[in-house]
C-alpha atoms as a PDB file:
ATOM      1  CA  UNK A   1      -0.441 -23.894  17.287  1.00  0.00           C
ATOM      2  CA  UNK A   2       2.693 -22.793  19.016  1.00  0.00           C
ATOM      3  CA  UNK A   3       4.535 -20.626  16.516  1.00  0.00           C
ATOM      4  CA  UNK A   4       7.919 -18.779  16.889  1.00  0.00           C
ATOM      5  CA  UNK A   5       8.745 -15.658  14.823  1.00  0.00           C
ATOM      6  CA  UNK A   6      12.321 -14.582  14.507  1.00  0.00           C
ATOM      7  CA  UNK A   7      12.347 -11.048  13.245  1.00  0.00           C
ATOM      8  CA  UNK A   8       9.961  -8.336  14.254  1.00  0.00           C
ATOM      9  CA  UNK A   9      10.185  -6.047  11.311  1.00  0.00           C
ATOM     10  CA  UNK A  10       7.241  -5.394   8.951  1.00  0.00           C
ATOM     11  CA  UNK A  11       6.575  -8.942   7.901  1.00  0.00           C
ATOM     12  CA  UNK A  12       7.335 -10.387  11.328  1.00  0.00           C
ATOM     13  CA  UNK A  13       5.322  -7.858  13.173  1.00  0.00           C
ATOM     14  CA  UNK A  14       2.154  -8.187  11.032  1.00  0.00           C
ATOM     15  CA  UNK A  15       2.328 -11.975  11.219  1.00  0.00           C
ATOM     16  CA  UNK A  16       2.539 -11.630  14.896  1.00  0.00           C
ATOM     17  CA  UNK A  17      -0.563  -9.531  14.815  1.00  0.00           C
ATOM     18  CA  UNK A  18      -2.585 -11.870  12.595  1.00  0.00           C
ATOM     19  CA  UNK A  19      -1.470 -15.166  14.116  1.00  0.00           C
ATOM     20  CA  UNK A  20      -2.232 -14.017  17.602  1.00  0.00           C
ATOM     21  CA  UNK A  21      -5.636 -12.848  16.523  1.00  0.00           C
ATOM     22  CA  UNK A  22      -6.249 -16.326  15.131  1.00  0.00           C
ATOM     23  CA  UNK A  23      -5.616 -17.718  18.532  1.00  0.00           C
ATOM     24  CA  UNK A  24      -2.091 -19.113  18.068  1.00  0.00           C
ATOM     25  CA  UNK A  25       0.436 -19.114  20.849  1.00  0.00           C
ATOM     26  CA  UNK A  26       3.152 -16.882  19.320  1.00  0.00           C
ATOM     27  CA  UNK A  27       6.659 -16.220  20.635  1.00  0.00           C
ATOM     28  CA  UNK A  28       8.496 -13.279  18.981  1.00  0.00           C
ATOM     29  CA  UNK A  29      12.211 -12.448  18.917  1.00  0.00           C
ATOM     30  CA  UNK A  30      14.407  -9.797  17.393  1.00  0.00           C
ATOM     31  CA  UNK A  31      18.192  -9.069  17.321  1.00  0.00           C
ATOM     32  CA  UNK A  32      17.812  -6.294  19.936  1.00  0.00           C
ATOM     33  CA  UNK A  33      16.353  -8.411  22.785  1.00  0.00           C
ATOM     34  CA  UNK A  34      12.887  -9.046  24.166  1.00  0.00           C
ATOM     35  CA  UNK A  35      12.863  -5.793  26.111  1.00  0.00           C
ATOM     36  CA  UNK A  36      12.437  -3.873  22.769  1.00  0.00           C
ATOM     37  CA  UNK A  37       9.189  -5.901  21.953  1.00  0.00           C
ATOM     38  CA  UNK A  38       7.180  -4.748  24.903  1.00  0.00           C
ATOM     39  CA  UNK A  39       4.893  -2.681  22.822  1.00  0.00           C
ATOM     40  CA  UNK A  40       4.244  -5.473  20.247  1.00  0.00           C
ATOM     41  CA  UNK A  41       3.672  -7.867  23.093  1.00  0.00           C
ATOM     42  CA  UNK A  42       1.171  -5.653  24.816  1.00  0.00           C
ATOM     43  CA  UNK A  43      -0.682  -5.054  21.498  1.00  0.00           C
ATOM     44  CA  UNK A  44      -0.923  -8.690  20.535  1.00  0.00           C
ATOM     45  CA  UNK A  45      -0.474 -10.894  23.476  1.00  0.00           C
ATOM     46  CA  UNK A  46       2.646 -12.540  21.959  1.00  0.00           C
ATOM     47  CA  UNK A  47       5.500 -13.543  24.199  1.00  0.00           C
ATOM     48  CA  UNK A  48       8.700 -11.668  23.658  1.00  0.00           C
ATOM     49  CA  UNK A  49      11.691 -13.971  23.847  1.00  0.00           C
ATOM     50  CA  UNK A  50      15.432 -14.216  22.853  1.00  0.00           C
ATOM     51  CA  UNK A  51      16.209 -15.580  19.411  1.00  0.00           C
ATOM     52  CA  UNK A  52      17.594 -18.619  21.012  1.00  0.00           C
ATOM     53  CA  UNK A  53      14.241 -19.272  22.718  1.00  0.00           C
ATOM     54  CA  UNK A  54      11.925 -18.510  19.761  1.00  0.00           C
ATOM     55  CA  UNK A  55      11.678 -22.020  18.425  1.00  0.00           C
ATOM     56  CA  UNK A  56      11.221 -23.783  21.721  1.00  0.00           C
ATOM     57  CA  UNK A  57       8.214 -26.191  21.383  1.00  0.00           C
ATOM     58  CA  UNK A  58       7.189 -24.457  18.141  1.00  0.00           C
ATOM     59  CA  UNK A  59       5.298 -26.363  15.371  1.00  0.00           C
ATOM     60  CA  UNK A  60       6.073 -23.548  12.883  1.00  0.00           C
ATOM     61  CA  UNK A  61       9.003 -21.148  13.029  1.00  0.00           C
ATOM     62  CA  UNK A  62       9.137 -18.002  10.759  1.00  0.00           C
ATOM     63  CA  UNK A  63      12.592 -16.758   9.952  1.00  0.00           C
ATOM     64  CA  UNK A  64      12.151 -13.191   8.754  1.00  0.00           C
ATOM     65  CA  UNK A  65      15.426 -11.397   9.120  1.00  0.00           C
ATOM     66  CA  UNK A  66      17.771  -9.787   6.542  1.00  0.00           C
ATOM     67  CA  UNK A  67      19.661 -12.303   4.632  1.00  0.00           C
ATOM     68  CA  UNK A  68      22.997 -10.986   5.765  1.00  0.00           C
ATOM     69  CA  UNK A  69      21.923 -11.751   9.349  1.00  0.00           C
ATOM     70  CA  UNK A  70      21.316 -15.459   8.705  1.00  0.00           C
ATOM     71  CA  UNK A  71      24.880 -16.624   9.527  1.00  0.00           C
ATOM     72  CA  UNK A  72      24.589 -14.728  12.872  1.00  0.00           C
ATOM     73  CA  UNK A  73      21.617 -16.785  14.126  1.00  0.00           C
ATOM     74  CA  UNK A  74      22.584 -18.923  17.021  1.00  0.00           C
ATOM     75  CA  UNK A  75      23.580 -22.529  16.339  1.00  0.00           C
ATOM     76  CA  UNK A  76      20.983 -25.136  17.492  1.00  0.00           C
ATOM     77  CA  UNK A  77      18.426 -22.558  16.739  1.00  0.00           C
ATOM     78  CA  UNK A  78      15.793 -25.408  16.228  1.00  0.00           C
ATOM     79  CA  UNK A  79      16.940 -27.866  18.879  1.00  0.00           C
ATOM     80  CA  UNK A  80      13.958 -27.312  21.051  1.00  0.00           C
ATOM     81  CA  UNK A  81      11.349 -27.099  18.453  1.00  0.00           C
ATOM     82  CA  UNK A  82       8.499 -29.590  18.137  1.00  0.00           C
ATOM     83  CA  UNK A  83       8.977 -32.756  16.054  1.00  0.00           C
ATOM     84  CA  UNK A  84       8.263 -32.072  12.371  1.00  0.00           C
ATOM     85  CA  UNK A  85       8.697 -28.326  12.840  1.00  0.00           C
ATOM     86  CA  UNK A  86       8.039 -26.404   9.604  1.00  0.00           C
ATOM     87  CA  UNK A  87      10.397 -23.428   9.037  1.00  0.00           C
ATOM     88  CA  UNK A  88       9.109 -20.508   6.950  1.00  0.00           C
ATOM     89  CA  UNK A  89      11.820 -18.517   5.189  1.00  0.00           C
ATOM     90  CA  UNK A  90      10.591 -15.038   4.101  1.00  0.00           C
ATOM     91  CA  UNK A  91      13.954 -13.714   3.096  1.00  0.00           C
ATOM     92  CA  UNK A  92      15.284 -12.007  -0.075  1.00  0.00           C
ATOM     93  CA  UNK A  93      18.766 -11.286  -1.386  1.00  0.00           C
ATOM     94  CA  UNK A  94      19.241  -7.557  -1.842  1.00  0.00           C
ATOM     95  CA  UNK A  95      23.011  -7.367  -2.556  1.00  0.00           C
ATOM     96  CA  UNK A  96      23.150  -3.654  -3.628  1.00  0.00           C
ATOM     97  CA  UNK A  97      20.681  -2.307  -1.074  1.00  0.00           C
ATOM     98  CA  UNK A  98      21.430  -4.323   2.042  1.00  0.00           C
ATOM     99  CA  UNK A  99      23.141  -7.649   2.136  1.00  0.00           C
ATOM    100  CA  UNK A 100      26.341  -7.229   0.146  1.00  0.00           C
ATOM    101  CA  UNK A 101      27.665  -9.959  -2.092  1.00  0.00           C
ATOM    102  CA  UNK A 102      26.965 -13.558  -0.849  1.00  0.00           C
ATOM    103  CA  UNK A 103      29.318 -16.035  -2.627  1.00  0.00           C
ATOM    104  CA  UNK A 104      27.085 -19.086  -2.252  1.00  0.00           C
ATOM    105  CA  UNK A 105      24.308 -17.405  -4.086  1.00  0.00           C
ATOM    106  CA  UNK A 106      26.421 -15.539  -6.761  1.00  0.00           C
ATOM    107  CA  UNK A 107      29.151 -18.071  -7.523  1.00  0.00           C
ATOM    108  CA  UNK A 108      27.615 -21.395  -6.404  1.00  0.00           C
ATOM    109  CA  UNK A 109      24.220 -20.713  -7.901  1.00  0.00           C
ATOM    110  CA  UNK A 110      22.230 -21.546  -4.731  1.00  0.00           C
ATOM    111  CA  UNK A 111      18.782 -20.196  -4.498  1.00  0.00           C
ATOM    112  CA  UNK A 112      18.352 -17.749  -1.675  1.00  0.00           C
ATOM    113  CA  UNK A 113      16.427 -20.316   0.478  1.00  0.00           C
ATOM    114  CA  UNK A 114      18.833 -23.129  -0.178  1.00  0.00           C
ATOM    115  CA  UNK A 115      21.608 -20.909   1.142  1.00  0.00           C
ATOM    116  CA  UNK A 116      19.536 -20.120   4.202  1.00  0.00           C
ATOM    117  CA  UNK A 117      18.663 -23.662   4.954  1.00  0.00           C
ATOM    118  CA  UNK A 118      22.237 -24.758   4.808  1.00  0.00           C
ATOM    119  CA  UNK A 119      23.049 -22.054   7.412  1.00  0.00           C
ATOM    120  CA  UNK A 120      20.365 -22.924   9.778  1.00  0.00           C
ATOM    121  CA  UNK A 121      20.821 -26.692   9.240  1.00  0.00           C
ATOM    122  CA  UNK A 122      17.006 -27.470   8.486  1.00  0.00           C
ATOM    123  CA  UNK A 123      14.708 -27.601   5.543  1.00  0.00           C
ATOM    124  CA  UNK A 124      12.812 -24.366   4.871  1.00  0.00           C
ATOM    125  CA  UNK A 125       9.606 -23.476   3.181  1.00  0.00           C
ATOM    126  CA  UNK A 126       9.786 -20.197   1.203  1.00  0.00           C
ATOM    127  CA  UNK A 127       6.731 -18.032   1.577  1.00  0.00           C
ATOM    128  CA  UNK A 128       5.751 -14.439   2.048  1.00  0.00           C
ATOM    129  CA  UNK A 129       9.018 -13.161   0.531  1.00  0.00           C
ATOM    130  CA  UNK A 130       7.145 -11.231  -2.212  1.00  0.00           C
ATOM    131  CA  UNK A 131       4.287 -10.223  -0.061  1.00  0.00           C
ATOM    132  CA  UNK A 132       3.658  -6.633   0.941  1.00  0.00           C
ATOM    133  CA  UNK A 133       3.594  -6.562   4.763  1.00  0.00           C
ATOM    134  CA  UNK A 134       0.458  -4.355   4.858  1.00  0.00           C
ATOM    135  CA  UNK A 135      -1.416  -6.826   2.736  1.00  0.00           C
ATOM    136  CA  UNK A 136      -1.131  -9.343   5.539  1.00  0.00           C
ATOM    137  CA  UNK A 137      -3.386  -7.062   7.556  1.00  0.00           C
ATOM    138  CA  UNK A 138      -5.455  -5.617   4.775  1.00  0.00           C
ATOM    139  CA  UNK A 139      -6.110  -8.138   2.176  1.00  0.00           C
ATOM    140  CA  UNK A 140      -7.282 -11.487   3.724  1.00  0.00           C
ATOM    141  CA  UNK A 141     -10.434 -12.795   2.245  1.00  0.00           C
ATOM    142  CA  UNK A 142     -12.480 -15.959   2.786  1.00  0.00           C
ATOM    143  CA  UNK A 143     -11.782 -19.047   0.837  1.00  0.00           C
ATOM    144  CA  UNK A 144     -13.602 -19.021  -2.618  1.00  0.00           C
ATOM    145  CA  UNK A 145     -13.759 -15.207  -2.795  1.00  0.00           C
ATOM    146  CA  UNK A 146     -12.913 -14.312  -6.343  1.00  0.00           C
ATOM    147  CA  UNK A 147     -10.651 -11.433  -5.211  1.00  0.00           C
ATOM    148  CA  UNK A 148      -8.584 -13.617  -2.821  1.00  0.00           C
ATOM    149  CA  UNK A 149      -4.829 -13.265  -3.340  1.00  0.00           C
ATOM    150  CA  UNK A 150      -2.617 -16.269  -3.833  1.00  0.00           C
ATOM    151  CA  UNK A 151       0.953 -16.570  -2.535  1.00  0.00           C
ATOM    152  CA  UNK A 152       3.710 -18.964  -4.009  1.00  0.00           C
ATOM    153  CA  UNK A 153       5.030 -21.520  -1.595  1.00  0.00           C
ATOM    154  CA  UNK A 154       8.150 -23.570  -2.275  1.00  0.00           C
ATOM    155  CA  UNK A 155       9.784 -26.322  -0.284  1.00  0.00           C
ATOM    156  CA  UNK A 156      11.160 -29.865  -0.360  1.00  0.00           C
ATOM    157  CA  UNK A 157       9.464 -31.246   2.659  1.00  0.00           C
ATOM    158  CA  UNK A 158       5.912 -31.926   1.506  1.00  0.00           C
ATOM    159  CA  UNK A 159       4.411 -32.325   5.003  1.00  0.00           C
ATOM    160  CA  UNK A 160       6.004 -28.968   6.057  1.00  0.00           C
ATOM    161  CA  UNK A 161       4.811 -27.331   2.915  1.00  0.00           C
ATOM    162  CA  UNK A 162       1.346 -28.569   3.496  1.00  0.00           C
ATOM    163  CA  UNK A 163       1.335 -27.211   7.105  1.00  0.00           C
ATOM    164  CA  UNK A 164       2.427 -23.821   5.861  1.00  0.00           C
ATOM    165  CA  UNK A 165      -0.136 -23.714   3.129  1.00  0.00           C
ATOM    166  CA  UNK A 166      -2.829 -24.526   5.631  1.00  0.00           C
ATOM    167  CA  UNK A 167      -1.680 -21.707   7.767  1.00  0.00           C
ATOM    168  CA  UNK A 168      -1.657 -19.262   4.926  1.00  0.00           C
ATOM    169  CA  UNK A 169      -5.265 -20.396   3.916  1.00  0.00           C
ATOM    170  CA  UNK A 170      -6.241 -19.714   7.607  1.00  0.00           C
ATOM    171  CA  UNK A 171      -4.672 -16.189   7.254  1.00  0.00           C
ATOM    172  CA  UNK A 172      -7.000 -15.476   4.262  1.00  0.00           C
ATOM    173  CA  UNK A 173      -4.877 -16.241   1.248  1.00  0.00           C
ATOM    174  CA  UNK A 174      -4.791 -19.028  -1.385  1.00  0.00           C
ATOM    175  CA  UNK A 175      -1.431 -20.638  -2.160  1.00  0.00           C
ATOM    176  CA  UNK A 176       0.214 -22.076  -5.256  1.00  0.00           C
ATOM    177  CA  UNK A 177       2.827 -24.885  -5.002  1.00  0.00           C
ATOM    178  CA  UNK A 178       5.909 -23.383  -6.541  1.00  0.00           C
ATOM    179  CA  UNK A 179       7.977 -26.545  -6.442  1.00  0.00           C
ATOM    180  CA  UNK A 180      11.043 -27.340  -4.385  1.00  0.00           C
ATOM    181  CA  UNK A 181      13.687 -25.057  -2.898  1.00  0.00           C
ATOM    182  CA  UNK A 182      15.852 -25.357  -6.027  1.00  0.00           C
ATOM    183  CA  UNK A 183      12.904 -24.037  -7.957  1.00  0.00           C
ATOM    184  CA  UNK A 184      12.354 -21.142  -5.547  1.00  0.00           C
ATOM    185  CA  UNK A 185      14.267 -18.763  -7.913  1.00  0.00           C
ATOM    186  CA  UNK A 186      10.967 -18.406  -9.590  1.00  0.00           C
ATOM    187  CA  UNK A 187       9.651 -16.272  -6.708  1.00  0.00           C
ATOM    188  CA  UNK A 188      12.835 -14.302  -5.930  1.00  0.00           C
ATOM    189  CA  UNK A 189      13.030 -10.506  -6.330  1.00  0.00           C
ATOM    190  CA  UNK A 190      12.534  -9.202  -9.938  1.00  0.00           C
ATOM    191  CA  UNK A 191      10.600 -12.172 -11.053  1.00  0.00           C
ATOM    192  CA  UNK A 192       7.098 -11.780 -12.332  1.00  0.00           C
ATOM    193  CA  UNK A 193       5.465 -13.103  -9.164  1.00  0.00           C
ATOM    194  CA  UNK A 194       7.386 -10.994  -6.752  1.00  0.00           C
ATOM    195  CA  UNK A 195       4.928  -8.393  -5.326  1.00  0.00           C
ATOM    196  CA  UNK A 196       2.099  -9.758  -7.491  1.00  0.00           C
ATOM    197  CA  UNK A 197      -1.323  -9.128  -6.020  1.00  0.00           C
ATOM    198  CA  UNK A 198      -3.522 -11.618  -7.860  1.00  0.00           C
ATOM    199  CA  UNK A 199      -5.198 -14.989  -7.674  1.00  0.00           C
ATOM    200  CA  UNK A 200      -3.918 -18.535  -8.189  1.00  0.00           C
ATOM    201  CA  UNK A 201      -4.182 -18.641 -11.963  1.00  0.00           C
ATOM    202  CA  UNK A 202      -2.064 -15.464 -12.395  1.00  0.00           C
ATOM    203  CA  UNK A 203       0.459 -16.562  -9.828  1.00  0.00           C
ATOM    204  CA  UNK A 204       0.889 -19.943 -11.607  1.00  0.00           C
ATOM    205  CA  UNK A 205       1.317 -18.108 -14.953  1.00  0.00           C
ATOM    206  CA  UNK A 206       3.877 -15.771 -13.331  1.00  0.00           C
ATOM    207  CA  UNK A 207       5.873 -18.632 -11.864  1.00  0.00           C
ATOM    208  CA  UNK A 208       6.035 -20.330 -15.297  1.00  0.00           C
ATOM    209  CA  UNK A 209       7.223 -17.059 -16.970  1.00  0.00           C
ATOM    210  CA  UNK A 210      10.164 -16.558 -14.565  1.00  0.00           C
ATOM    211  CA  UNK A 211      13.781 -16.495 -15.717  1.00  0.00           C
ATOM    212  CA  UNK A 212      16.673 -17.761 -13.667  1.00  0.00           C
ATOM    213  CA  UNK A 213      18.867 -14.929 -14.818  1.00  0.00           C
ATOM    214  CA  UNK A 214      19.297 -12.284 -12.098  1.00  0.00           C
ATOM    215  CA  UNK A 215      18.665  -8.683 -13.097  1.00  0.00           C
ATOM    216  CA  UNK A 216      21.651  -6.323 -12.510  1.00  0.00           C
ATOM    217  CA  UNK A 217      19.757  -4.699  -9.598  1.00  0.00           C
ATOM    218  CA  UNK A 218      19.756  -7.900  -7.755  1.00  0.00           C
ATOM    219  CA  UNK A 219      23.260  -9.171  -8.523  1.00  0.00           C
ATOM    220  CA  UNK A 220      26.258  -8.495  -6.303  1.00  0.00           C
END
């Protein structure tokens, strides 16, 4: 598949490494420009591009930038993407540590991913937001292995969610359907599933035990 990755930090960089190794055609962008991605491109064979070019022809686009940077993404970000493009949102809201207070999340009660998709103008599938970046490299296992980790995946577009779950399976992880984007608070920071390294049964249980109340640490 042709895959665009916007954000080349820990998650974006390691997804670039794994997805190119699986044979996908990966374009990767960051806020500082393609010339800063030379080393990653040489390591992986990915194509460094501008943010505005990252989605061009892509069947899957991964948006993995700080939440505070979402409004700064260029308008029409997905205009050149393939029909039926699935957009993965890996983002988390860290008001005290990084993002500042976001009114739509704090006052309007939007989930982090609902807020993100309203800004980019396209449905998103929330995945990888509670995954340790190093685990993407170190913890993949074959399907059926009893030690295989499972990741929660939330989204309203069932076809896009299915495409993302198939990709995660190919990366070496099980998935658990975490519901729609309005349910994605169940996998936000400080919930039981956030950072959980366990299988599908434990992930399902953790999602069910989540509370919609934000802890003080993750409130603005």
